[in-house]
Amino acid sequence: MDFDSHSSVVLDAALGLINEVTPGHRRGRPYRPPTGSALVTAITDVIRQRDRTWSAPPSPEAAESLAAYGVRMHAVIAAVAEDIDAACEEVNRIMRETDATPVLARHDNEPWHLHFHAPDAPWDISWAASMATGLAVVLGNAAVERLGICTAPACDRAYLDVSRNGTRRFCSTACQNRVKTAAFRARKGAGG
């Protein structure tokens, strides 16, 4: 689902950040997010994978700030299936806190495109505002049911289902394969 190129990049970055900084489980194992310099490196990698023009790593304080927003955005996605109102209210809070402001921008030889942060916002706030707005685009869309948390046991990573038929339930092929393998072994063990 490509809302527009910039919105899709920001939404993809949000999901990458959320899955990198949120404690819980990942692919059947407990997951502890990185801290300190490892957090700076992880966030730098998440952003660089989506924005090749960006080069300077964030300060440790900016990385921690953005990570805190990422944890809050994970809670938003987790709330989508149970309490869409709470999910939307939290995204609205994040957008208010970060002064999310639509601005048309042109830079790095790109065409005009929409940014979702004030031009003078600090790095962490600009990314948090953009990511929250990207989530808001999905929450306020019929595609909201495509935003979810992995249903595999011992995994709570977020995903956006961009498949044609909208039936994705897992964050990755690895989790999908774990569930299929477990089901096969259960059938085989039961004599099936």
N, C-alpha and C. Protein backbone atom coordinates (compact mmCIF):
# COMPACT_ATOMS: atom_id res chain seq x y z
N MET A 1 0.85 -1.16 0.00
CA MET A 1 0.00 0.00 0.00
C MET A 1 0.90 1.22 0.00
N ASP A 2 0.92 1.95 -1.08
CA ASP A 2 1.80 3.09 -1.22
C ASP A 2 0.96 4.36 -1.18
N PHE A 3 0.88 5.01 -0.01
CA PHE A 3 0.05 6.20 0.13
C PHE A 3 0.63 7.33 -0.70
N ASP A 4 1.88 7.55 -0.64
CA ASP A 4 2.71 8.35 -1.53
C ASP A 4 4.12 8.02 -1.12
N SER A 5 5.08 8.33 -1.96
CA SER A 5 6.43 7.82 -1.69
C SER A 5 6.97 8.27 -0.35
N HIS A 6 6.80 9.54 0.01
CA HIS A 6 7.35 10.03 1.26
C HIS A 6 6.60 9.45 2.46
N SER A 7 5.28 9.41 2.40
CA SER A 7 4.50 8.84 3.50
C SER A 7 4.84 7.37 3.70
N SER A 8 5.02 6.63 2.62
CA SER A 8 5.36 5.22 2.74
C SER A 8 6.73 5.03 3.36
N VAL A 9 7.69 5.87 2.99
CA VAL A 9 9.03 5.79 3.57
C VAL A 9 8.96 6.08 5.06
N VAL A 10 8.21 7.12 5.44
CA VAL A 10 8.10 7.48 6.85
C VAL A 10 7.39 6.38 7.64
N LEU A 11 6.35 5.81 7.09
CA LEU A 11 5.63 4.73 7.77
C LEU A 11 6.53 3.50 7.91
N ASP A 12 7.27 3.18 6.87
CA ASP A 12 8.21 2.06 6.93
C ASP A 12 9.28 2.32 7.99
N ALA A 13 9.77 3.55 8.07
CA ALA A 13 10.75 3.92 9.09
C ALA A 13 10.14 3.78 10.48
N ALA A 14 8.89 4.19 10.63
CA ALA A 14 8.22 4.06 11.93
C ALA A 14 8.16 2.60 12.35
N LEU A 15 7.76 1.72 11.45
CA LEU A 15 7.68 0.30 11.78
C LEU A 15 9.06 -0.27 12.10
N GLY A 16 10.08 0.16 11.34
CA GLY A 16 11.44 -0.27 11.63
C GLY A 16 11.89 0.18 13.00
N LEU A 17 11.62 1.44 13.32
CA LEU A 17 11.98 1.98 14.64
C LEU A 17 11.24 1.24 15.74
N ILE A 18 9.94 1.12 15.59
CA ILE A 18 9.10 0.46 16.60
C ILE A 18 9.65 -0.93 16.92
N ASN A 19 9.96 -1.70 15.89
CA ASN A 19 10.42 -3.07 16.09
C ASN A 19 11.84 -3.14 16.65
N GLU A 20 12.60 -2.09 16.47
CA GLU A 20 13.97 -2.07 16.98
C GLU A 20 14.05 -1.65 18.44
N VAL A 21 13.16 -0.75 18.87
CA VAL A 21 13.30 -0.13 20.20
C VAL A 21 12.32 -0.65 21.25
N THR A 22 11.38 -1.50 20.86
CA THR A 22 10.36 -1.96 21.80
C THR A 22 10.77 -3.30 22.43
N PRO A 23 10.82 -3.35 23.76
CA PRO A 23 11.13 -4.62 24.40
C PRO A 23 9.96 -5.59 24.25
N GLY A 24 10.24 -6.85 24.37
CA GLY A 24 9.18 -7.86 24.27
C GLY A 24 9.74 -9.15 23.72
N HIS A 25 9.18 -9.60 22.60
CA HIS A 25 9.62 -10.84 21.96
C HIS A 25 9.79 -10.61 20.47
N ARG A 26 10.74 -11.32 19.91
CA ARG A 26 11.00 -11.23 18.47
C ARG A 26 11.31 -12.64 17.97
N ARG A 27 10.48 -13.10 17.06
CA ARG A 27 10.70 -14.40 16.40
C ARG A 27 10.94 -15.54 17.38
N GLY A 28 10.11 -15.56 18.44
CA GLY A 28 10.15 -16.67 19.38
C GLY A 28 11.13 -16.53 20.52
N ARG A 29 11.80 -15.40 20.61
CA ARG A 29 12.78 -15.21 21.68
C ARG A 29 12.55 -13.87 22.37
N PRO A 30 12.89 -13.82 23.66
CA PRO A 30 12.82 -12.52 24.34
C PRO A 30 13.70 -11.50 23.62
N TYR A 31 13.24 -10.27 23.58
CA TYR A 31 14.00 -9.22 22.89
C TYR A 31 14.19 -8.03 23.81
N ARG A 32 15.44 -7.64 23.97
CA ARG A 32 15.77 -6.42 24.70
C ARG A 32 16.36 -5.44 23.70
N PRO A 33 15.79 -4.26 23.61
CA PRO A 33 16.29 -3.29 22.63
C PRO A 33 17.69 -2.80 23.01
N PRO A 34 18.43 -2.32 22.03
CA PRO A 34 19.76 -1.81 22.31
C PRO A 34 19.70 -0.55 23.17
N THR A 35 20.79 -0.27 23.84
CA THR A 35 20.91 0.94 24.64
C THR A 35 22.24 1.61 24.31
N GLY A 36 22.39 2.84 24.78
CA GLY A 36 23.65 3.56 24.61
C GLY A 36 24.06 3.71 23.16
N SER A 37 25.33 3.43 22.88
CA SER A 37 25.84 3.60 21.52
C SER A 37 25.21 2.60 20.55
N ALA A 38 24.83 1.43 21.05
CA ALA A 38 24.15 0.44 20.20
C ALA A 38 22.78 0.96 19.75
N LEU A 39 22.11 1.73 20.61
CA LEU A 39 20.84 2.34 20.23
C LEU A 39 21.04 3.36 19.13
N VAL A 40 22.07 4.20 19.27
CA VAL A 40 22.39 5.19 18.23
C VAL A 40 22.64 4.48 16.91
N THR A 41 23.42 3.41 16.94
CA THR A 41 23.72 2.66 15.71
C THR A 41 22.46 2.04 15.12
N ALA A 42 21.62 1.45 15.96
CA ALA A 42 20.39 0.81 15.48
C ALA A 42 19.46 1.82 14.83
N ILE A 43 19.28 2.97 15.47
CA ILE A 43 18.40 4.00 14.91
C ILE A 43 19.00 4.57 13.64
N THR A 44 20.30 4.77 13.62
CA THR A 44 20.97 5.24 12.41
C THR A 44 20.72 4.27 11.26
N ASP A 45 20.84 2.97 11.53
CA ASP A 45 20.59 1.96 10.49
C ASP A 45 19.15 1.99 10.00
N VAL A 46 18.19 2.12 10.93
CA VAL A 46 16.78 2.17 10.54
C VAL A 46 16.52 3.34 9.60
N ILE A 47 17.04 4.51 9.96
CA ILE A 47 16.79 5.71 9.15
C ILE A 47 17.55 5.63 7.82
N ARG A 48 18.80 5.22 7.85
CA ARG A 48 19.59 5.16 6.60
C ARG A 48 19.02 4.16 5.60
N GLN A 49 18.40 3.09 6.07
CA GLN A 49 17.80 2.13 5.15
C GLN A 49 16.65 2.75 4.37
N ARG A 50 16.03 3.78 4.94
CA ARG A 50 14.88 4.41 4.30
C ARG A 50 15.20 5.77 3.69
N ASP A 51 16.26 6.41 4.15
CA ASP A 51 16.63 7.75 3.68
C ASP A 51 18.13 7.78 3.41
N ARG A 52 18.49 7.45 2.20
CA ARG A 52 19.91 7.35 1.83
C ARG A 52 20.63 8.70 1.84
N THR A 53 19.88 9.80 1.85
CA THR A 53 20.52 11.12 1.85
C THR A 53 20.94 11.54 3.25
N TRP A 54 20.43 10.88 4.27
CA TRP A 54 20.74 11.25 5.65
C TRP A 54 22.04 10.60 6.07
N SER A 55 22.91 11.36 6.74
CA SER A 55 24.21 10.79 7.05
C SER A 55 24.63 10.89 8.51
N ALA A 56 24.28 11.96 9.20
CA ALA A 56 24.78 12.17 10.56
C ALA A 56 23.99 11.34 11.56
N PRO A 57 24.69 10.53 12.38
CA PRO A 57 23.95 9.79 13.40
C PRO A 57 23.39 10.75 14.45
N PRO A 58 22.31 10.36 15.10
CA PRO A 58 21.73 11.24 16.12
C PRO A 58 22.61 11.26 17.37
N SER A 59 22.41 12.26 18.17
CA SER A 59 23.08 12.28 19.47
C SER A 59 22.45 11.18 20.33
N PRO A 60 23.14 10.74 21.37
CA PRO A 60 22.53 9.73 22.26
C PRO A 60 21.20 10.21 22.84
N GLU A 61 21.10 11.49 23.17
CA GLU A 61 19.85 12.03 23.72
C GLU A 61 18.73 12.00 22.68
N ALA A 62 19.05 12.36 21.43
CA ALA A 62 18.04 12.33 20.37
C ALA A 62 17.61 10.89 20.08
N ALA A 63 18.55 9.96 20.12
CA ALA A 63 18.21 8.55 19.89
C ALA A 63 17.28 8.04 20.99
N GLU A 64 17.57 8.37 22.23
CA GLU A 64 16.71 7.95 23.34
C GLU A 64 15.33 8.58 23.23
N SER A 65 15.28 9.85 22.83
CA SER A 65 14.00 10.53 22.67
C SER A 65 13.15 9.85 21.59
N LEU A 66 13.77 9.59 20.43
CA LEU A 66 13.03 8.95 19.34
C LEU A 66 12.63 7.53 19.74
N ALA A 67 13.50 6.83 20.45
CA ALA A 67 13.16 5.47 20.91
C ALA A 67 11.93 5.49 21.82
N ALA A 68 11.84 6.48 22.69
CA ALA A 68 10.67 6.59 23.59
C ALA A 68 9.40 6.79 22.78
N TYR A 69 9.47 7.60 21.73
CA TYR A 69 8.30 7.75 20.85
C TYR A 69 7.99 6.43 20.14
N GLY A 70 9.02 5.68 19.75
CA GLY A 70 8.81 4.40 19.09
C GLY A 70 8.07 3.41 19.97
N VAL A 71 8.41 3.37 21.25
CA VAL A 71 7.72 2.49 22.19
C VAL A 71 6.25 2.89 22.30
N ARG A 72 6.00 4.18 22.33
CA ARG A 72 4.61 4.66 22.39
C ARG A 72 3.85 4.29 21.12
N MET A 73 4.51 4.36 19.97
CA MET A 73 3.86 4.01 18.71
C MET A 73 3.57 2.51 18.63
N HIS A 74 4.41 1.69 19.26
CA HIS A 74 4.13 0.25 19.32
C HIS A 74 2.82 0.03 20.09
N ALA A 75 2.65 0.75 21.18
CA ALA A 75 1.41 0.64 21.96
C ALA A 75 0.20 1.06 21.13
N VAL A 76 0.39 2.04 20.26
CA VAL A 76 -0.69 2.46 19.36
C VAL A 76 -1.10 1.29 18.46
N ILE A 77 -0.12 0.65 17.84
CA ILE A 77 -0.43 -0.45 16.93
C ILE A 77 -1.06 -1.62 17.70
N ALA A 78 -0.55 -1.90 18.88
CA ALA A 78 -1.12 -2.97 19.69
C ALA A 78 -2.58 -2.67 20.06
N ALA A 79 -2.92 -1.40 20.20
CA ALA A 79 -4.29 -1.01 20.58
C ALA A 79 -5.26 -1.02 19.40
N VAL A 80 -4.76 -1.04 18.17
CA VAL A 80 -5.64 -0.93 17.00
C VAL A 80 -6.75 -1.97 17.01
N ALA A 81 -6.43 -3.22 17.26
CA ALA A 81 -7.45 -4.29 17.21
C ALA A 81 -8.42 -4.23 18.38
N GLU A 82 -7.98 -3.74 19.52
CA GLU A 82 -8.80 -3.74 20.74
C GLU A 82 -9.53 -2.42 20.98
N ASP A 83 -8.84 -1.31 20.74
CA ASP A 83 -9.38 0.00 21.11
C ASP A 83 -8.86 1.07 20.15
N ILE A 84 -9.47 1.16 18.99
CA ILE A 84 -9.04 2.10 17.97
C ILE A 84 -9.09 3.54 18.48
N ASP A 85 -10.06 3.85 19.35
CA ASP A 85 -10.15 5.21 19.89
C ASP A 85 -8.90 5.55 20.70
N ALA A 86 -8.45 4.63 21.54
CA ALA A 86 -7.25 4.88 22.34
C ALA A 86 -6.03 5.02 21.43
N ALA A 87 -5.96 4.21 20.39
CA ALA A 87 -4.83 4.29 19.45
C ALA A 87 -4.80 5.67 18.79
N CYS A 88 -5.95 6.12 18.33
CA CYS A 88 -6.01 7.43 17.66
C CYS A 88 -5.72 8.58 18.64
N GLU A 89 -6.21 8.47 19.84
CA GLU A 89 -5.95 9.52 20.84
C GLU A 89 -4.46 9.62 21.15
N GLU A 90 -3.77 8.49 21.24
CA GLU A 90 -2.33 8.51 21.52
C GLU A 90 -1.56 9.11 20.34
N VAL A 91 -1.93 8.75 19.13
CA VAL A 91 -1.26 9.35 17.96
C VAL A 91 -1.50 10.86 17.95
N ASN A 92 -2.71 11.27 18.26
CA ASN A 92 -2.98 12.71 18.33
C ASN A 92 -2.11 13.39 19.39
N ARG A 93 -1.92 12.73 20.55
CA ARG A 93 -1.05 13.29 21.59
C ARG A 93 0.38 13.45 21.07
N ILE A 94 0.89 12.43 20.41
CA ILE A 94 2.26 12.50 19.88
C ILE A 94 2.37 13.62 18.85
N MET A 95 1.38 13.72 17.98
CA MET A 95 1.43 14.79 16.97
C MET A 95 1.38 16.17 17.61
N ARG A 96 0.59 16.32 18.67
CA ARG A 96 0.54 17.61 19.37
C ARG A 96 1.89 17.90 20.05
N GLU A 97 2.44 16.90 20.74
CA GLU A 97 3.72 17.09 21.44
C GLU A 97 4.85 17.47 20.49
N THR A 98 4.81 16.93 19.29
CA THR A 98 5.90 17.16 18.33
C THR A 98 5.59 18.29 17.36
N ASP A 99 4.46 18.96 17.56
CA ASP A 99 4.05 20.04 16.64
C ASP A 99 4.04 19.58 15.19
N ALA A 100 3.49 18.40 14.95
CA ALA A 100 3.40 17.88 13.59
C ALA A 100 2.69 18.92 12.72
N THR A 101 3.36 19.32 11.67
CA THR A 101 2.87 20.39 10.81
C THR A 101 3.12 20.01 9.35
N PRO A 102 2.09 19.93 8.53
CA PRO A 102 2.35 19.61 7.12
C PRO A 102 3.06 20.78 6.44
N VAL A 103 4.15 20.46 5.76
CA VAL A 103 4.94 21.46 5.05
C VAL A 103 5.41 20.85 3.74
N LEU A 104 5.20 21.55 2.64
CA LEU A 104 5.77 21.10 1.37
C LEU A 104 7.24 21.46 1.36
N ALA A 105 8.09 20.48 1.02
CA ALA A 105 9.54 20.70 1.04
C ALA A 105 10.16 20.17 -0.24
N ARG A 106 11.29 20.77 -0.57
CA ARG A 106 12.05 20.32 -1.73
C ARG A 106 13.52 20.38 -1.35
N HIS A 107 14.19 19.25 -1.46
CA HIS A 107 15.60 19.19 -1.11
C HIS A 107 16.25 18.00 -1.80
N ASP A 108 17.56 17.99 -1.83
CA ASP A 108 18.34 16.88 -2.39
C ASP A 108 17.89 16.47 -3.79
N ASN A 109 17.57 17.45 -4.62
CA ASN A 109 17.14 17.22 -6.01
C ASN A 109 15.87 16.38 -6.13
N GLU A 110 15.07 16.34 -5.08
CA GLU A 110 13.80 15.64 -5.11
C GLU A 110 12.70 16.60 -5.53
N PRO A 111 11.58 16.10 -6.05
CA PRO A 111 10.45 16.98 -6.33
C PRO A 111 9.82 17.43 -5.01
N TRP A 112 8.91 18.39 -5.08
CA TRP A 112 8.19 18.83 -3.90
C TRP A 112 7.47 17.63 -3.29
N HIS A 113 7.52 17.55 -1.99
CA HIS A 113 6.84 16.48 -1.27
C HIS A 113 6.46 16.98 0.12
N LEU A 114 5.56 16.26 0.73
CA LEU A 114 5.01 16.67 2.01
C LEU A 114 5.85 16.14 3.17
N HIS A 115 6.30 17.05 4.02
CA HIS A 115 6.92 16.67 5.29
C HIS A 115 5.87 16.91 6.36
N PHE A 116 6.05 16.30 7.51
CA PHE A 116 5.05 16.39 8.57
C PHE A 116 5.59 17.01 9.83
N HIS A 117 6.61 17.83 9.70
CA HIS A 117 7.21 18.46 10.88
C HIS A 117 7.60 19.89 10.54
N ALA A 118 7.70 20.68 11.57
CA ALA A 118 8.13 22.06 11.38
C ALA A 118 9.54 22.07 10.81
N PRO A 119 9.83 22.98 9.90
CA PRO A 119 11.15 23.02 9.26
C PRO A 119 12.31 23.17 10.26
N ASP A 120 12.07 23.79 11.39
CA ASP A 120 13.14 24.02 12.36
C ASP A 120 13.11 23.03 13.53
N ALA A 121 12.35 21.95 13.41
CA ALA A 121 12.24 20.98 14.50
C ALA A 121 13.55 20.23 14.68
N PRO A 122 13.90 19.89 15.92
CA PRO A 122 15.08 19.06 16.14
C PRO A 122 14.91 17.70 15.46
N TRP A 123 16.01 17.03 15.22
CA TRP A 123 16.02 15.78 14.46
C TRP A 123 15.04 14.75 15.02
N ASP A 124 15.10 14.47 16.32
CA ASP A 124 14.25 13.44 16.90
C ASP A 124 12.77 13.82 16.83
N ILE A 125 12.48 15.09 17.06
CA ILE A 125 11.10 15.56 17.02
C ILE A 125 10.57 15.52 15.58
N SER A 126 11.41 15.88 14.61
CA SER A 126 10.95 15.85 13.22
C SER A 126 10.62 14.42 12.78
N TRP A 127 11.45 13.46 13.17
CA TRP A 127 11.15 12.07 12.82
C TRP A 127 9.93 11.57 13.57
N ALA A 128 9.82 11.88 14.86
CA ALA A 128 8.66 11.43 15.63
C ALA A 128 7.38 12.02 15.06
N ALA A 129 7.39 13.30 14.70
CA ALA A 129 6.21 13.94 14.12
C ALA A 129 5.84 13.28 12.80
N SER A 130 6.84 13.03 11.97
CA SER A 130 6.59 12.40 10.67
C SER A 130 6.05 10.98 10.83
N MET A 131 6.67 10.22 11.74
CA MET A 131 6.23 8.83 11.95
C MET A 131 4.82 8.77 12.52
N ALA A 132 4.52 9.63 13.48
CA ALA A 132 3.17 9.66 14.06
C ALA A 132 2.14 10.05 13.00
N THR A 133 2.50 10.99 12.15
CA THR A 133 1.58 11.40 11.09
C THR A 133 1.40 10.27 10.09
N GLY A 134 2.47 9.54 9.77
CA GLY A 134 2.35 8.37 8.90
C GLY A 134 1.40 7.34 9.49
N LEU A 135 1.50 7.10 10.79
CA LEU A 135 0.55 6.19 11.45
C LEU A 135 -0.87 6.75 11.39
N ALA A 136 -0.99 8.06 11.57
CA ALA A 136 -2.32 8.68 11.52
C ALA A 136 -2.97 8.48 10.16
N VAL A 137 -2.17 8.53 9.10
CA VAL A 137 -2.70 8.31 7.75
C VAL A 137 -3.34 6.92 7.67
N VAL A 138 -2.69 5.94 8.25
CA VAL A 138 -3.23 4.57 8.23
C VAL A 138 -4.43 4.45 9.17
N LEU A 139 -4.32 5.02 10.38
CA LEU A 139 -5.42 4.92 11.35
C LEU A 139 -6.70 5.58 10.83
N GLY A 140 -6.55 6.61 10.04
CA GLY A 140 -7.72 7.30 9.50
C GLY A 140 -8.12 6.81 8.13
N ASN A 141 -7.78 5.58 7.82
CA ASN A 141 -7.98 5.03 6.49
C ASN A 141 -8.66 3.67 6.63
N ALA A 142 -9.32 3.23 5.59
CA ALA A 142 -9.93 1.90 5.61
C ALA A 142 -8.87 0.80 5.75
N ALA A 143 -7.62 1.13 5.50
CA ALA A 143 -6.53 0.16 5.60
C ALA A 143 -6.08 -0.09 7.03
N VAL A 144 -6.74 0.51 8.00
CA VAL A 144 -6.31 0.38 9.40
C VAL A 144 -6.22 -1.07 9.84
N GLU A 145 -7.07 -1.94 9.31
CA GLU A 145 -7.02 -3.36 9.72
C GLU A 145 -5.75 -4.06 9.24
N ARG A 146 -5.02 -3.41 8.37
CA ARG A 146 -3.77 -3.99 7.87
C ARG A 146 -2.57 -3.67 8.77
N LEU A 147 -2.79 -2.88 9.77
CA LEU A 147 -1.75 -2.55 10.74
C LEU A 147 -1.91 -3.49 11.91
N GLY A 148 -0.86 -4.22 12.27
CA GLY A 148 -1.05 -5.19 13.35
C GLY A 148 0.22 -5.61 14.05
N ILE A 149 0.03 -6.48 15.01
CA ILE A 149 1.10 -7.10 15.79
C ILE A 149 1.14 -8.57 15.40
N CYS A 150 2.32 -9.10 15.23
CA CYS A 150 2.53 -10.49 14.82
C CYS A 150 1.72 -11.43 15.71
N THR A 151 1.06 -12.42 15.10
CA THR A 151 0.25 -13.38 15.85
C THR A 151 1.01 -14.66 16.19
N ALA A 152 2.28 -14.74 15.80
CA ALA A 152 3.07 -15.92 16.15
C ALA A 152 3.34 -15.93 17.65
N PRO A 153 3.41 -17.12 18.24
CA PRO A 153 3.75 -17.19 19.67
C PRO A 153 5.12 -16.55 19.92
N ALA A 154 5.22 -15.85 21.04
CA ALA A 154 6.47 -15.22 21.45
C ALA A 154 7.01 -14.24 20.42
N CYS A 155 6.12 -13.47 19.83
CA CYS A 155 6.54 -12.38 18.94
C CYS A 155 5.51 -11.27 19.04
N ASP A 156 5.99 -10.06 19.23
CA ASP A 156 5.09 -8.90 19.31
C ASP A 156 5.60 -7.75 18.45
N ARG A 157 6.19 -8.10 17.30
CA ARG A 157 6.68 -7.07 16.37
C ARG A 157 5.52 -6.58 15.51
N ALA A 158 5.59 -5.32 15.13
CA ALA A 158 4.54 -4.67 14.35
C ALA A 158 4.75 -4.88 12.85
N TYR A 159 3.67 -4.81 12.11
CA TYR A 159 3.76 -4.91 10.65
C TYR A 159 2.62 -4.13 10.01
N LEU A 160 2.78 -3.83 8.74
CA LEU A 160 1.72 -3.29 7.89
C LEU A 160 1.56 -4.26 6.75
N ASP A 161 0.38 -4.80 6.60
CA ASP A 161 0.09 -5.77 5.55
C ASP A 161 -0.10 -5.03 4.23
N VAL A 162 0.84 -5.21 3.32
CA VAL A 162 0.74 -4.57 2.01
C VAL A 162 0.41 -5.59 0.92
N SER A 163 -0.01 -6.79 1.35
CA SER A 163 -0.36 -7.82 0.37
C SER A 163 -1.67 -7.46 -0.33
N ARG A 164 -1.88 -8.09 -1.45
CA ARG A 164 -3.10 -7.82 -2.22
C ARG A 164 -4.37 -8.23 -1.48
N ASN A 165 -4.32 -9.40 -0.87
CA ASN A 165 -5.55 -9.92 -0.25
C ASN A 165 -5.71 -9.53 1.21
N GLY A 166 -4.72 -8.89 1.80
CA GLY A 166 -4.85 -8.39 3.17
C GLY A 166 -4.99 -9.45 4.23
N THR A 167 -4.30 -10.58 4.09
CA THR A 167 -4.44 -11.66 5.06
C THR A 167 -3.19 -11.90 5.90
N ARG A 168 -2.25 -11.01 5.84
CA ARG A 168 -1.01 -11.19 6.60
C ARG A 168 -1.31 -11.17 8.10
N ARG A 169 -0.64 -12.07 8.84
CA ARG A 169 -0.81 -12.13 10.30
C ARG A 169 0.53 -12.14 11.02
N PHE A 170 1.62 -12.15 10.28
CA PHE A 170 2.94 -12.29 10.88
C PHE A 170 3.85 -11.13 10.48
N CYS A 171 4.84 -10.85 11.33
CA CYS A 171 5.77 -9.75 11.06
C CYS A 171 6.79 -10.14 10.01
N SER A 172 7.00 -11.44 9.83
CA SER A 172 8.05 -11.89 8.92
C SER A 172 7.74 -13.30 8.43
N THR A 173 8.46 -13.68 7.39
CA THR A 173 8.36 -15.05 6.90
C THR A 173 8.87 -16.03 7.95
N ALA A 174 9.88 -15.61 8.72
CA ALA A 174 10.42 -16.48 9.77
C ALA A 174 9.33 -16.86 10.77
N CYS A 175 8.54 -15.89 11.22
CA CYS A 175 7.45 -16.20 12.17
C CYS A 175 6.38 -17.05 11.51
N GLN A 176 6.04 -16.76 10.28
CA GLN A 176 5.05 -17.56 9.57
C GLN A 176 5.54 -19.01 9.47
N ASN A 177 6.81 -19.20 9.14
CA ASN A 177 7.36 -20.55 9.03
C ASN A 177 7.40 -21.26 10.38
N ARG A 178 7.70 -20.54 11.46
CA ARG A 178 7.68 -21.14 12.81
C ARG A 178 6.31 -21.71 13.12
N VAL A 179 5.25 -20.92 12.82
CA VAL A 179 3.89 -21.35 13.11
C VAL A 179 3.50 -22.54 12.24
N LYS A 180 3.84 -22.51 10.97
CA LYS A 180 3.52 -23.63 10.08
C LYS A 180 4.25 -24.90 10.49
N THR A 181 5.51 -24.76 10.88
CA THR A 181 6.29 -25.92 11.32
C THR A 181 5.69 -26.52 12.59
N ALA A 182 5.32 -25.67 13.54
CA ALA A 182 4.72 -26.15 14.78
C ALA A 182 3.40 -26.87 14.50
N ALA A 183 2.60 -26.32 13.60
CA ALA A 183 1.31 -26.96 13.25
C ALA A 183 1.55 -28.30 12.58
N PHE A 184 2.54 -28.36 11.69
CA PHE A 184 2.86 -29.63 11.01
C PHE A 184 3.29 -30.67 12.03
N ARG A 185 4.18 -30.28 12.97
CA ARG A 185 4.67 -31.23 13.98
C ARG A 185 3.53 -31.70 14.88
N ALA A 186 2.61 -30.79 15.20
CA ALA A 186 1.46 -31.17 16.04
C ALA A 186 0.58 -32.17 15.32
N ARG A 187 0.34 -31.97 14.03
CA ARG A 187 -0.47 -32.91 13.26
C ARG A 187 0.22 -34.27 13.14
N LYS A 188 1.53 -34.21 12.88
CA LYS A 188 2.30 -35.44 12.72
C LYS A 188 2.34 -36.22 14.05
N GLY A 189 2.50 -35.49 15.16
CA GLY A 189 2.52 -36.12 16.49
C GLY A 189 1.17 -36.71 16.87
N ALA A 190 0.11 -36.14 16.34
CA ALA A 190 -1.24 -36.62 16.66
C ALA A 190 -1.66 -37.74 15.71
N GLY A 191 -0.73 -38.15 14.87
CA GLY A 191 -1.04 -39.24 13.94
C GLY A 191 -1.69 -38.76 12.65
N GLY A 192 -1.66 -37.43 12.40
CA GLY A 192 -2.32 -36.88 11.23
C GLY A 192 -1.43 -36.72 10.13
